[in-house]
Amino acid sequence: MESPEVLFSGDVIRKPALVTALDQLGAQGRVLICGAVYAELCGFHPHLDTLLQQYGVSIDPNMPLETWKRAGVAYAAYGKRRRASLPRRILTDFLVGAHASGGHHSLFTLNTGDYGDFPEVPLLTVR
């Protein structure tokens, strides 16, 4: 049986207290980030590649067109809802959610409220 894959959003890598959780997820299966998260983190973490390698995190830079479409549709729906004074979110959040959805992955994040547009994605977090 193939190990489950877990994606994580960029907020996780910035929290040293979550290293244990990341280690545990890695022990349970493959952990990966989508290319959009990798790009978002590159400017803030000069040793990002070393860190990802240390924790066995893979980068998935290829997202099918359907993933991009799903992210765009969810982002547009959010834009309409935001006019009703919702907090601002960035397109990357929708790319991460669509990537997890399209790949049938679980998603490890501290911001579980950001992924309500993807109810089929199992969310993992540390409280």
Protein backbone atom coordinates (compact mmCIF):
# COMPACT_ATOMS: atom_id res chain seq x y z
CA MET A 1 0.00 0.00 0.00
CA GLU A 2 1.36 3.41 -0.97
CA SER A 3 1.94 5.93 1.84
CA PRO A 4 -0.50 8.83 2.02
CA GLU A 5 0.71 12.21 0.88
CA VAL A 6 0.39 15.33 2.98
CA LEU A 7 0.76 18.87 1.68
CA PHE A 8 1.54 21.72 3.96
CA SER A 9 1.02 25.41 3.59
CA GLY A 10 3.80 27.94 4.10
CA ASP A 11 2.74 28.98 7.59
CA VAL A 12 3.93 25.68 9.02
CA ILE A 13 7.59 25.96 8.09
CA ARG A 14 7.87 29.25 9.98
CA LYS A 15 6.88 27.69 13.31
CA PRO A 16 9.77 25.86 15.01
CA ALA A 17 7.35 24.27 17.49
CA LEU A 18 5.81 22.32 14.61
CA VAL A 19 8.98 20.48 13.65
CA THR A 20 7.85 17.48 15.69
CA ALA A 21 4.54 17.35 13.86
CA LEU A 22 6.31 17.61 10.50
CA ASP A 23 8.62 14.75 11.52
CA GLN A 24 5.61 12.63 12.47
CA LEU A 25 3.85 13.35 9.19
CA GLY A 26 7.00 12.43 7.29
CA ALA A 27 7.16 9.13 9.15
CA GLN A 28 3.57 8.37 8.10
CA GLY A 29 3.97 9.16 4.41
CA ARG A 30 5.29 11.57 1.79
CA VAL A 31 5.12 15.29 2.62
CA LEU A 32 5.11 17.75 -0.26
CA ILE A 33 4.53 21.39 -1.10
CA CYS A 34 3.18 22.81 -4.33
CA GLY A 35 5.31 25.09 -6.46
CA ALA A 36 3.33 28.18 -5.42
CA VAL A 37 4.20 27.63 -1.74
CA TYR A 38 7.83 26.96 -2.64
CA ALA A 39 7.99 30.28 -4.52
CA GLU A 40 6.32 32.08 -1.61
CA LEU A 41 8.86 30.70 0.88
CA CYS A 42 12.04 31.12 -1.20
CA GLY A 43 12.48 34.81 -0.47
CA PHE A 44 12.10 34.38 3.27
CA HIS A 45 14.15 31.26 3.89
CA PRO A 46 17.69 31.38 2.47
CA HIS A 47 18.27 27.73 3.40
CA LEU A 48 14.86 26.50 2.28
CA ASP A 49 16.13 23.67 0.07
CA THR A 50 18.30 22.32 2.88
CA LEU A 51 15.41 22.54 5.33
CA LEU A 52 13.00 20.77 2.99
CA GLN A 53 15.54 18.05 2.33
CA GLN A 54 16.20 17.66 6.06
CA TYR A 55 12.53 16.95 6.70
CA GLY A 56 12.00 14.88 3.57
CA VAL A 57 9.65 17.38 1.96
CA SER A 58 9.21 17.06 -1.80
CA ILE A 59 8.30 19.92 -4.13
CA ASP A 60 5.52 19.36 -6.66
CA PRO A 61 5.99 22.17 -9.20
CA ASN A 62 3.56 20.73 -11.75
CA MET A 63 -0.12 21.39 -11.35
CA PRO A 64 -2.61 20.30 -14.01
CA LEU A 65 -4.72 22.93 -15.75
CA GLU A 66 -7.77 21.72 -13.81
CA THR A 67 -6.03 22.68 -10.55
CA TRP A 68 -5.42 26.22 -11.80
CA LYS A 69 -9.05 26.46 -12.94
CA ARG A 70 -10.38 25.21 -9.61
CA ALA A 71 -8.21 27.75 -7.75
CA GLY A 72 -9.41 30.56 -10.02
CA VAL A 73 -13.08 29.68 -9.58
CA ALA A 74 -12.71 29.47 -5.79
CA TYR A 75 -10.77 32.75 -5.74
CA ALA A 76 -13.48 34.51 -7.77
CA ALA A 77 -16.19 33.19 -5.43
CA TYR A 78 -14.14 34.41 -2.49
CA GLY A 79 -13.80 37.84 -4.14
CA LYS A 80 -17.58 38.12 -4.25
CA ARG A 81 -17.91 37.05 -0.62
CA ARG A 82 -15.08 39.37 0.44
CA ARG A 83 -17.11 42.37 -0.60
CA ALA A 84 -19.16 41.43 2.45
CA SER A 85 -16.09 42.32 4.60
CA LEU A 86 -14.32 38.96 4.85
CA PRO A 87 -10.60 39.07 5.67
CA ARG A 88 -8.24 39.30 2.69
CA ARG A 89 -6.61 36.13 1.37
CA ILE A 90 -4.08 35.60 -1.37
CA LEU A 91 -4.38 33.50 -4.52
CA THR A 92 -1.72 31.09 -3.23
CA ASP A 93 -4.17 29.84 -0.57
CA PHE A 94 -6.55 28.81 -3.34
CA LEU A 95 -3.76 27.17 -5.36
CA VAL A 96 -2.75 25.14 -2.30
CA GLY A 97 -6.35 24.07 -1.68
CA ALA A 98 -6.96 23.15 -5.32
CA HIS A 99 -3.65 21.27 -5.47
CA ALA A 100 -4.57 19.25 -2.37
CA SER A 101 -8.05 18.60 -3.73
CA GLY A 102 -6.92 17.54 -7.20
CA GLY A 103 -4.27 15.21 -5.81
CA HIS A 104 -6.54 13.79 -3.09
CA HIS A 105 -4.03 14.90 -0.46
CA SER A 106 -4.43 15.85 3.17
CA LEU A 107 -3.29 19.40 4.00
CA PHE A 108 -1.23 20.35 7.06
CA THR A 109 -1.83 24.00 7.98
CA LEU A 110 -2.26 26.32 10.94
CA ASN A 111 -4.92 28.28 9.07
CA THR A 112 -7.70 25.74 8.71
CA GLY A 113 -10.23 28.51 8.04
CA ASP A 114 -8.47 29.35 4.77
CA TYR A 115 -9.53 26.13 3.07
CA GLY A 116 -13.33 26.13 3.47
CA ASP A 117 -13.70 26.31 -0.31
CA PHE A 118 -12.24 22.79 -0.45
CA PRO A 119 -14.38 20.78 2.01
CA GLU A 120 -13.20 17.49 0.52
CA VAL A 121 -9.60 18.15 1.64
CA PRO A 122 -8.78 16.59 5.03
CA LEU A 123 -7.07 19.25 7.14
CA LEU A 124 -4.37 18.43 9.68
CA THR A 125 -3.22 20.95 12.26
CA VAL A 126 -1.55 21.33 15.63
CA ARG A 127 -3.40 23.17 18.35
